[in-house]
Amino acid sequence: MDIRVIQVLLGHNRLDTTAQYVQVATDILREVISPLETLEPV
């Protein structure tokens, strides 16, 4: 997704503020395990 779109959705005036949020969110999302990954094959 374009960082400018994220900036508008979050209501940030400054792109560098959005960039900080995106970096934090990316780090957190890497640690999330999808429930689909825990399903056993049928």
C-alpha atoms as a PDB file:
ATOM      1  CA  MET A   1       0.000   0.000   0.000  1.00  0.00           C
ATOM      2  CA  ASP A   2       1.194   3.502  -0.752  1.00  0.00           C
ATOM      3  CA  ILE A   3       2.496   5.343   2.320  1.00  0.00           C
ATOM      4  CA  ARG A   4       0.584   8.461   1.223  1.00  0.00           C
ATOM      5  CA  VAL A   5      -2.681   6.515   1.457  1.00  0.00           C
ATOM      6  CA  ILE A   6      -1.748   5.367   4.957  1.00  0.00           C
ATOM      7  CA  GLN A   7      -0.878   8.974   5.854  1.00  0.00           C
ATOM      8  CA  VAL A   8      -4.331  10.176   4.819  1.00  0.00           C
ATOM      9  CA  LEU A   9      -6.120   7.307   6.561  1.00  0.00           C
ATOM     10  CA  LEU A  10      -4.284   8.012   9.822  1.00  0.00           C
ATOM     11  CA  GLY A  11      -4.835  11.753   9.495  1.00  0.00           C
ATOM     12  CA  HIS A  12      -1.156  12.637   9.723  1.00  0.00           C
ATOM     13  CA  ASN A  13       0.052  15.976   8.410  1.00  0.00           C
ATOM     14  CA  ARG A  14       3.685  14.895   8.174  1.00  0.00           C
ATOM     15  CA  LEU A  15       4.913  11.922   6.178  1.00  0.00           C
ATOM     16  CA  ASP A  16       7.726  11.214   8.654  1.00  0.00           C
ATOM     17  CA  THR A  17       5.146  10.604  11.411  1.00  0.00           C
ATOM     18  CA  THR A  18       3.407   8.041   9.210  1.00  0.00           C
ATOM     19  CA  ALA A  19       6.752   6.437   8.359  1.00  0.00           C
ATOM     20  CA  GLN A  20       7.407   5.882  12.084  1.00  0.00           C
ATOM     21  CA  TYR A  21       4.035   4.173  12.529  1.00  0.00           C
ATOM     22  CA  VAL A  22       4.580   2.018   9.457  1.00  0.00           C
ATOM     23  CA  GLN A  23       7.977   0.865  10.764  1.00  0.00           C
ATOM     24  CA  VAL A  24       6.525  -0.063  14.174  1.00  0.00           C
ATOM     25  CA  ALA A  25       3.540  -1.809  12.592  1.00  0.00           C
ATOM     26  CA  THR A  26       5.802  -3.790  10.255  1.00  0.00           C
ATOM     27  CA  ASP A  27       7.901  -5.042  13.170  1.00  0.00           C
ATOM     28  CA  ILE A  28       4.807  -6.066  15.145  1.00  0.00           C
ATOM     29  CA  LEU A  29       3.137  -7.746  12.173  1.00  0.00           C
ATOM     30  CA  ARG A  30       6.207  -9.920  11.555  1.00  0.00           C
ATOM     31  CA  GLU A  31       5.662 -11.498  14.982  1.00  0.00           C
ATOM     32  CA  VAL A  32       1.983 -12.311  14.440  1.00  0.00           C
ATOM     33  CA  ILE A  33       1.161 -15.935  13.672  1.00  0.00           C
ATOM     34  CA  SER A  34      -1.807 -16.398  11.407  1.00  0.00           C
ATOM     35  CA  PRO A  35      -4.471 -18.817  12.706  1.00  0.00           C
ATOM     36  CA  LEU A  36      -4.360 -20.431   9.263  1.00  0.00           C
ATOM     37  CA  GLU A  37      -0.737 -21.421   9.868  1.00  0.00           C
ATOM     38  CA  THR A  38      -1.762 -23.430  12.931  1.00  0.00           C
ATOM     39  CA  LEU A  39      -4.318 -25.583  11.107  1.00  0.00           C
ATOM     40  CA  GLU A  40      -3.393 -29.174  10.452  1.00  0.00           C
ATOM     41  CA  PRO A  41      -3.765 -30.465   6.894  1.00  0.00           C
ATOM     42  CA  VAL A  42      -6.833 -32.565   6.260  1.00  0.00           C
END
